[in-house]
PDB file of N, CA and C in Angstrom:
ATOM      1  N   MET A   1      94.547 144.246  61.910  1.00  0.00           N
ATOM      2  CA  MET A   1      94.458 144.433  60.939  1.00  0.00           C
ATOM      3  C   MET A   1      95.776 145.467  60.815  1.00  0.00           C
ATOM      4  N   THR A   2      95.457 146.179  61.627  1.00  0.00           N
ATOM      5  CA  THR A   2      96.547 147.436  61.904  1.00  0.00           C
ATOM      6  C   THR A   2      97.974 146.782  62.214  1.00  0.00           C
ATOM      7  N   LEU A   3      98.115 145.827  63.010  1.00  0.00           N
ATOM      8  CA  LEU A   3      99.348 145.419  63.056  1.00  0.00           C
ATOM      9  C   LEU A   3      99.774 145.103  61.826  1.00  0.00           C
ATOM     10  N   LEU A   4      99.344 144.245  60.758  1.00  0.00           N
ATOM     11  CA  LEU A   4      99.568 143.467  59.553  1.00  0.00           C
ATOM     12  C   LEU A   4     100.243 144.814  58.691  1.00  0.00           C
ATOM     13  N   ILE A   5      99.163 145.917  58.445  1.00  0.00           N
ATOM     14  CA  ILE A   5      99.659 147.071  57.865  1.00  0.00           C
ATOM     15  C   ILE A   5     101.168 147.363  58.106  1.00  0.00           C
ATOM     16  N   GLU A   6     100.799 147.696  59.475  1.00  0.00           N
ATOM     17  CA  GLU A   6     102.483 148.112  60.165  1.00  0.00           C
ATOM     18  C   GLU A   6     103.616 147.347  59.544  1.00  0.00           C
ATOM     19  N   ILE A   7     103.156 146.019  60.084  1.00  0.00           N
ATOM     20  CA  ILE A   7     104.617 144.726  59.487  1.00  0.00           C
ATOM     21  C   ILE A   7     104.762 144.839  57.873  1.00  0.00           C
ATOM     22  N   ILE A   8     103.680 145.370  57.036  1.00  0.00           N
ATOM     23  CA  ILE A   8     103.955 145.701  55.846  1.00  0.00           C
ATOM     24  C   ILE A   8     104.867 146.449  55.493  1.00  0.00           C
ATOM     25  N   GLY A   9     104.392 147.863  55.968  1.00  0.00           N
ATOM     26  CA  GLY A   9     105.047 149.151  55.660  1.00  0.00           C
ATOM     27  C   GLY A   9     106.743 149.008  56.302  1.00  0.00           C
ATOM     28  N   TRP A  10     106.860 148.443  57.368  1.00  0.00           N
ATOM     29  CA  TRP A  10     108.469 148.047  57.884  1.00  0.00           C
ATOM     30  C   TRP A  10     109.238 147.136  56.864  1.00  0.00           C
ATOM     31  N   ALA A  11     108.368 146.285  56.435  1.00  0.00           N
ATOM     32  CA  ALA A  11     109.153 145.389  55.598  1.00  0.00           C
ATOM     33  C   ALA A  11     109.492 145.841  54.574  1.00  0.00           C
ATOM     34  N   ALA A  12     108.599 146.848  53.829  1.00  0.00           N
ATOM     35  CA  ALA A  12     108.855 147.467  52.451  1.00  0.00           C
ATOM     36  C   ALA A  12     109.639 148.661  52.914  1.00  0.00           C
ATOM     37  N   ALA A  13     110.133 149.188  53.968  1.00  0.00           N
ATOM     38  CA  ALA A  13     110.978 150.130  53.893  1.00  0.00           C
ATOM     39  C   ALA A  13     112.269 149.294  54.124  1.00  0.00           C
ATOM     40  N   LEU A  14     112.824 147.925  54.679  1.00  0.00           N
ATOM     41  CA  LEU A  14     113.775 147.586  54.760  1.00  0.00           C
ATOM     42  C   LEU A  14     113.973 146.792  53.301  1.00  0.00           C
ATOM     43  N   LEU A  15     113.270 146.478  52.696  1.00  0.00           N
ATOM     44  CA  LEU A  15     113.231 145.403  51.358  1.00  0.00           C
ATOM     45  C   LEU A  15     113.987 146.956  50.606  1.00  0.00           C
ATOM     46  N   ILE A  16     113.370 148.287  50.245  1.00  0.00           N
ATOM     47  CA  ILE A  16     114.180 149.445  49.447  1.00  0.00           C
ATOM     48  C   ILE A  16     115.118 149.328  50.130  1.00  0.00           C
ATOM     49  N   LEU A  17     115.395 149.997  51.532  1.00  0.00           N
ATOM     50  CA  LEU A  17     116.741 150.214  52.001  1.00  0.00           C
ATOM     51  C   LEU A  17     117.977 149.403  51.753  1.00  0.00           C
ATOM     52  N   ALA A  18     117.521 147.700  51.875  1.00  0.00           N
ATOM     53  CA  ALA A  18     118.082 146.836  51.296  1.00  0.00           C
ATOM     54  C   ALA A  18     118.790 146.869  50.180  1.00  0.00           C
ATOM     55  N   SER A  19     117.705 147.170  48.962  1.00  0.00           N
ATOM     56  CA  SER A  19     117.852 146.987  47.681  1.00  0.00           C
ATOM     57  C   SER A  19     119.035 148.349  47.095  1.00  0.00           C
ATOM     58  N   TYR A  20     118.677 149.548  48.122  1.00  0.00           N
ATOM     59  CA  TYR A  20     119.608 150.828  48.143  1.00  0.00           C
ATOM     60  C   TYR A  20     121.114 150.505  48.345  1.00  0.00           C
ATOM     61  N   LEU A  21     121.115 149.715  49.275  1.00  0.00           N
ATOM     62  CA  LEU A  21     122.341 148.788  49.934  1.00  0.00           C
ATOM     63  C   LEU A  21     123.230 148.625  49.158  1.00  0.00           C
ATOM     64  N   LEU A  22     122.406 147.340  48.361  1.00  0.00           N
ATOM     65  CA  LEU A  22     123.136 146.089  47.580  1.00  0.00           C
ATOM     66  C   LEU A  22     123.627 147.170  46.431  1.00  0.00           C
ATOM     67  N   VAL A  23     122.668 148.255  45.812  1.00  0.00           N
ATOM     68  CA  VAL A  23     123.298 148.819  45.073  1.00  0.00           C
ATOM     69  C   VAL A  23     124.546 149.739  45.055  1.00  0.00           C
ATOM     70  N   SER A  24     124.028 150.294  46.295  1.00  0.00           N
ATOM     71  CA  SER A  24     125.632 151.194  46.743  1.00  0.00           C
ATOM     72  C   SER A  24     126.953 150.575  46.836  1.00  0.00           C
ATOM     73  N   ALA A  25     126.545 149.087  47.449  1.00  0.00           N
ATOM     74  CA  ALA A  25     127.832 148.466  47.806  1.00  0.00           C
ATOM     75  C   ALA A  25     128.286 147.623  46.447  1.00  0.00           C
ATOM     76  N   GLY A  26     127.831 147.838  45.686  1.00  0.00           N
ATOM     77  CA  GLY A  26     128.302 147.293  44.263  1.00  0.00           C
ATOM     78  C   GLY A  26     128.200 145.513  43.804  1.00  0.00           C
ATOM     79  N   ARG A  27     126.950 145.515  44.941  1.00  0.00           N
ATOM     80  CA  ARG A  27     126.794 143.906  44.737  1.00  0.00           C
ATOM     81  C   ARG A  27     125.210 143.669  43.998  1.00  0.00           C
ATOM     82  N   LEU A  28     124.675 144.942  43.542  1.00  0.00           N
ATOM     83  CA  LEU A  28     123.748 144.646  42.610  1.00  0.00           C
ATOM     84  C   LEU A  28     123.563 145.990  41.514  1.00  0.00           C
ATOM     85  N   SER A  29     123.245 145.356  40.339  1.00  0.00           N
ATOM     86  CA  SER A  29     123.194 146.656  39.151  1.00  0.00           C
ATOM     87  C   SER A  29     121.847 147.203  39.270  1.00  0.00           C
ATOM     88  N   GLY A  30     121.715 148.713  39.187  1.00  0.00           N
ATOM     89  CA  GLY A  30     120.492 149.005  38.938  1.00  0.00           C
ATOM     90  C   GLY A  30     119.719 148.788  37.935  1.00  0.00           C
ATOM     91  N   GLN A  31     119.909 147.818  37.140  1.00  0.00           N
ATOM     92  CA  GLN A  31     119.659 147.222  35.939  1.00  0.00           C
ATOM     93  C   GLN A  31     119.398 146.051  36.497  1.00  0.00           C
ATOM     94  N   SER A  32     119.240 145.126  37.115  1.00  0.00           N
ATOM     95  CA  SER A  32     119.118 144.097  37.766  1.00  0.00           C
ATOM     96  C   SER A  32     117.785 144.121  38.018  1.00  0.00           C
ATOM     97  N   PRO A  33     117.203 142.530  37.443  1.00  0.00           N
ATOM     98  CA  PRO A  33     115.694 142.216  37.673  1.00  0.00           C
ATOM     99  C   PRO A  33     115.699 142.183  39.384  1.00  0.00           C
ATOM    100  N   VAL A  34     116.846 141.222  40.064  1.00  0.00           N
ATOM    101  CA  VAL A  34     116.298 141.427  41.548  1.00  0.00           C
ATOM    102  C   VAL A  34     116.296 142.293  42.135  1.00  0.00           C
ATOM    103  N   PHE A  35     117.011 143.917  41.749  1.00  0.00           N
ATOM    104  CA  PHE A  35     116.602 145.049  42.353  1.00  0.00           C
ATOM    105  C   PHE A  35     115.630 145.673  41.729  1.00  0.00           C
ATOM    106  N   GLN A  36     115.183 145.954  40.896  1.00  0.00           N
ATOM    107  CA  GLN A  36     113.946 146.267  40.564  1.00  0.00           C
ATOM    108  C   GLN A  36     112.869 145.695  40.940  1.00  0.00           C
ATOM    109  N   TRP A  37     112.503 144.136  41.355  1.00  0.00           N
ATOM    110  CA  TRP A  37     111.640 143.390  42.108  1.00  0.00           C
ATOM    111  C   TRP A  37     111.886 143.883  43.661  1.00  0.00           C
ATOM    112  N   MET A  38     112.826 144.290  44.090  1.00  0.00           N
ATOM    113  CA  MET A  38     113.078 144.745  45.571  1.00  0.00           C
ATOM    114  C   MET A  38     112.034 146.233  45.793  1.00  0.00           C
ATOM    115  N   ASN A  39     112.394 146.977  44.889  1.00  0.00           N
ATOM    116  CA  ASN A  39     111.749 147.805  44.816  1.00  0.00           C
ATOM    117  C   ASN A  39     110.138 148.527  44.295  1.00  0.00           C
ATOM    118  N   VAL A  40     109.816 147.270  43.323  1.00  0.00           N
ATOM    119  CA  VAL A  40     108.575 147.320  43.167  1.00  0.00           C
ATOM    120  C   VAL A  40     107.746 146.756  43.958  1.00  0.00           C
ATOM    121  N   ILE A  41     108.169 145.371  44.745  1.00  0.00           N
ATOM    122  CA  ILE A  41     107.296 145.233  45.657  1.00  0.00           C
ATOM    123  C   ILE A  41     107.169 146.070  47.458  1.00  0.00           C
ATOM    124  N   GLY A  42     108.700 146.632  47.407  1.00  0.00           N
ATOM    125  CA  GLY A  42     108.724 147.283  48.388  1.00  0.00           C
ATOM    126  C   GLY A  42     107.558 148.847  48.215  1.00  0.00           C
ATOM    127  N   ALA A  43     107.569 149.166  46.881  1.00  0.00           N
ATOM    128  CA  ALA A  43     106.653 150.248  46.398  1.00  0.00           C
ATOM    129  C   ALA A  43     105.246 149.845  47.086  1.00  0.00           C
ATOM    130  N   ALA A  44     104.953 148.520  46.619  1.00  0.00           N
ATOM    131  CA  ALA A  44     103.766 148.210  46.991  1.00  0.00           C
ATOM    132  C   ALA A  44     103.152 147.935  48.039  1.00  0.00           C
ATOM    133  N   GLY A  45     103.854 147.325  49.508  1.00  0.00           N
ATOM    134  CA  GLY A  45     104.111 147.796  50.412  1.00  0.00           C
ATOM    135  C   GLY A  45     103.800 149.317  50.966  1.00  0.00           C
ATOM    136  N   PHE A  46     104.481 149.632  50.559  1.00  0.00           N
ATOM    137  CA  PHE A  46     104.136 151.275  51.097  1.00  0.00           C
ATOM    138  C   PHE A  46     102.993 151.681  50.439  1.00  0.00           C
ATOM    139  N   ILE A  47     103.062 151.506  49.290  1.00  0.00           N
ATOM    140  CA  ILE A  47     101.612 152.033  49.020  1.00  0.00           C
ATOM    141  C   ILE A  47     100.184 151.580  49.971  1.00  0.00           C
ATOM    142  N   LEU A  48     100.079 150.508  50.374  1.00  0.00           N
ATOM    143  CA  LEU A  48      99.183 149.951  51.343  1.00  0.00           C
ATOM    144  C   LEU A  48      99.230 150.605  52.366  1.00  0.00           C
ATOM    145  N   ASN A  49     100.965 150.521  53.047  1.00  0.00           N
ATOM    146  CA  ASN A  49     100.833 151.162  54.567  1.00  0.00           C
ATOM    147  C   ASN A  49     100.270 152.627  54.205  1.00  0.00           C
ATOM    148  N   SER A  50     100.983 153.776  53.496  1.00  0.00           N
ATOM    149  CA  SER A  50     100.616 154.539  53.444  1.00  0.00           C
ATOM    150  C   SER A  50      99.057 155.037  53.063  1.00  0.00           C
ATOM    151  N   GLY A  51      98.296 154.214  52.015  1.00  0.00           N
ATOM    152  CA  GLY A  51      96.900 154.620  51.885  1.00  0.00           C
ATOM    153  C   GLY A  51      95.967 154.140  53.086  1.00  0.00           C
ATOM    154  N   TRP A  52      96.693 153.410  53.638  1.00  0.00           N
ATOM    155  CA  TRP A  52      96.179 152.881  55.211  1.00  0.00           C
ATOM    156  C   TRP A  52      95.746 154.199  56.423  1.00  0.00           C
ATOM    157  N   HIS A  53      96.991 154.861  55.790  1.00  0.00           N
ATOM    158  CA  HIS A  53      97.191 156.269  57.038  1.00  0.00           C
ATOM    159  C   HIS A  53      96.726 157.367  56.253  1.00  0.00           C
ATOM    160  N   GLY A  54      96.154 157.249  54.981  1.00  0.00           N
ATOM    161  CA  GLY A  54      95.944 158.178  54.491  1.00  0.00           C
ATOM    162  C   GLY A  54      96.748 159.271  54.312  1.00  0.00           C
ATOM    163  N   ALA A  55      97.979 159.030  54.223  1.00  0.00           N
ATOM    164  CA  ALA A  55      99.411 159.599  53.764  1.00  0.00           C
ATOM    165  C   ALA A  55      99.060 159.767  52.152  1.00  0.00           C
ATOM    166  N   LEU A  56      98.805 160.472  51.341  1.00  0.00           N
ATOM    167  CA  LEU A  56      98.551 160.434  50.043  1.00  0.00           C
ATOM    168  C   LEU A  56      99.643 160.572  49.400  1.00  0.00           C
ATOM    169  N   PRO A  57     100.103 161.755  49.542  1.00  0.00           N
ATOM    170  CA  PRO A  57     101.699 162.456  49.005  1.00  0.00           C
ATOM    171  C   PRO A  57     102.599 160.860  49.098  1.00  0.00           C
ATOM    172  N   SER A  58     102.665 160.272  49.966  1.00  0.00           N
ATOM    173  CA  SER A  58     103.590 159.266  50.074  1.00  0.00           C
ATOM    174  C   SER A  58     102.847 157.850  49.013  1.00  0.00           C
ATOM    175  N   ALA A  59     101.960 157.733  49.155  1.00  0.00           N
ATOM    176  CA  ALA A  59     101.094 156.548  48.327  1.00  0.00           C
ATOM    177  C   ALA A  59     101.368 156.634  46.712  1.00  0.00           C
ATOM    178  N   VAL A  60     101.264 158.345  46.538  1.00  0.00           N
ATOM    179  CA  VAL A  60     101.183 158.444  45.014  1.00  0.00           C
ATOM    180  C   VAL A  60     102.475 158.427  44.574  1.00  0.00           C
ATOM    181  N   LEU A  61     103.780 158.906  45.704  1.00  0.00           N
ATOM    182  CA  LEU A  61     105.084 158.640  45.196  1.00  0.00           C
ATOM    183  C   LEU A  61     105.520 157.147  44.815  1.00  0.00           C
ATOM    184  N   ASN A  62     104.567 156.300  45.916  1.00  0.00           N
ATOM    185  CA  ASN A  62     105.095 155.091  45.663  1.00  0.00           C
ATOM    186  C   ASN A  62     104.376 154.509  44.635  1.00  0.00           C
ATOM    187  N   ILE A  63     103.080 154.839  44.313  1.00  0.00           N
ATOM    188  CA  ILE A  63     102.821 154.287  42.957  1.00  0.00           C
ATOM    189  C   ILE A  63     103.406 154.632  41.854  1.00  0.00           C
ATOM    190  N   ALA A  64     104.136 155.706  41.621  1.00  0.00           N
ATOM    191  CA  ALA A  64     105.210 156.320  40.467  1.00  0.00           C
ATOM    192  C   ALA A  64     106.336 155.147  40.823  1.00  0.00           C
ATOM    193  N   TRP A  65     106.804 155.216  41.828  1.00  0.00           N
ATOM    194  CA  TRP A  65     108.154 154.317  42.238  1.00  0.00           C
ATOM    195  C   TRP A  65     107.767 152.720  41.606  1.00  0.00           C
ATOM    196  N   MET A  66     106.780 152.163  41.794  1.00  0.00           N
ATOM    197  CA  MET A  66     106.399 151.195  41.531  1.00  0.00           C
ATOM    198  C   MET A  66     106.203 151.004  39.798  1.00  0.00           C
ATOM    199  N   ALA A  67     105.823 152.146  39.274  1.00  0.00           N
ATOM    200  CA  ALA A  67     105.394 151.946  37.689  1.00  0.00           C
ATOM    201  C   ALA A  67     106.858 152.035  37.127  1.00  0.00           C
ATOM    202  N   ILE A  68     107.881 152.783  37.521  1.00  0.00           N
ATOM    203  CA  ILE A  68     108.990 152.597  37.416  1.00  0.00           C
ATOM    204  C   ILE A  68     109.681 151.489  36.931  1.00  0.00           C
ATOM    205  N   GLY A  69     109.811 150.844  38.022  1.00  0.00           N
ATOM    206  CA  GLY A  69     110.517 149.145  38.532  1.00  0.00           C
ATOM    207  C   GLY A  69     109.453 148.655  37.419  1.00  0.00           C
ATOM    208  N   LEU A  70     108.527 148.704  37.282  1.00  0.00           N
ATOM    209  CA  LEU A  70     107.231 147.935  36.161  1.00  0.00           C
ATOM    210  C   LEU A  70     107.436 148.022  34.848  1.00  0.00           C
ATOM    211  N   VAL A  71     108.089 149.300  34.472  1.00  0.00           N
ATOM    212  CA  VAL A  71     108.566 149.771  33.331  1.00  0.00           C
ATOM    213  C   VAL A  71     109.943 148.916  32.869  1.00  0.00           C
ATOM    214  N   THR A  72     110.747 149.161  33.493  1.00  0.00           N
ATOM    215  CA  THR A  72     112.148 148.317  33.702  1.00  0.00           C
ATOM    216  C   THR A  72     111.879 147.394  33.738  1.00  0.00           C
ATOM    217  N   LEU A  73     111.728 146.792  34.351  1.00  0.00           N
ATOM    218  CA  LEU A  73     111.190 145.348  34.426  1.00  0.00           C
ATOM    219  C   LEU A  73     110.884 144.950  32.568  1.00  0.00           C
ATOM    220  N   ILE A  74     109.712 145.678  32.378  1.00  0.00           N
ATOM    221  CA  ILE A  74     109.312 145.057  30.825  1.00  0.00           C
ATOM    222  C   ILE A  74     110.509 145.109  30.183  1.00  0.00           C
ATOM    223  N   SER A  75     110.850 146.279  29.921  1.00  0.00           N
ATOM    224  CA  SER A  75     112.014 146.728  29.005  1.00  0.00           C
ATOM    225  C   SER A  75     113.099 145.491  29.008  1.00  0.00           C
ATOM    226  N   LEU A  76     113.762 145.127  30.227  1.00  0.00           N
ATOM    227  CA  LEU A  76     114.543 144.192  30.556  1.00  0.00           C
ATOM    228  C   LEU A  76     114.249 142.516  29.943  1.00  0.00           C
ATOM    229  N   ALA A  77     112.837 142.438  30.029  1.00  0.00           N
ATOM    230  CA  ALA A  77     112.363 140.792  29.799  1.00  0.00           C
ATOM    231  C   ALA A  77     112.146 141.078  28.118  1.00  0.00           C
ATOM    232  N   ARG A  78     111.922 142.483  27.561  1.00  0.00           N
ATOM    233  CA  ARG A  78     112.237 142.353  25.849  1.00  0.00           C
ATOM    234  C   ARG A  78     113.334 142.069  25.549  1.00  0.00           C
ATOM    235  N   GLY A  79     114.418 142.488  26.418  1.00  0.00           N
ATOM    236  CA  GLY A  79     116.009 142.655  25.815  1.00  0.00           C
ATOM    237  C   GLY A  79     116.042 143.799  25.245  1.00  0.00           C
ATOM    238  N   ARG A  80     115.887 145.017  25.939  1.00  0.00           N
ATOM    239  CA  ARG A  80     115.801 145.997  25.595  1.00  0.00           C
ATOM    240  C   ARG A  80     116.191 146.864  26.683  1.00  0.00           C
ATOM    241  N   PRO A  81     117.540 147.778  26.683  1.00  0.00           N
ATOM    242  CA  PRO A  81     117.481 148.801  27.640  1.00  0.00           C
ATOM    243  C   PRO A  81     116.907 149.522  28.100  1.00  0.00           C
ATOM    244  N   PRO A  82     116.426 149.545  29.318  1.00  0.00           N
ATOM    245  CA  PRO A  82     115.869 150.489  29.794  1.00  0.00           C
ATOM    246  C   PRO A  82     115.768 152.172  29.475  1.00  0.00           C
ATOM    247  N   ALA A  83     114.851 152.811  29.269  1.00  0.00           N
ATOM    248  CA  ALA A  83     115.021 154.260  28.984  1.00  0.00           C
ATOM    249  C   ALA A  83     115.548 155.347  29.927  1.00  0.00           C
TER     250      ALA A  83
END
């Protein structure tokens, strides 16, 4: 189980890093659903990994990170610009 949690944590880190790289390189917009989903899924992986390791500040930060992404995705789905 520990190995699976570590794999999830590393995959989450790579996903969030890739999303940031793609936005910084101009390949994705910060308002794109792909960027938001990459961050939501990455944050979910970090929540799992951080919680497993008892790193509560990181887990709470990633709960907020994931919530921001989900709110943005809902706004985009409703055709409204995110706040």
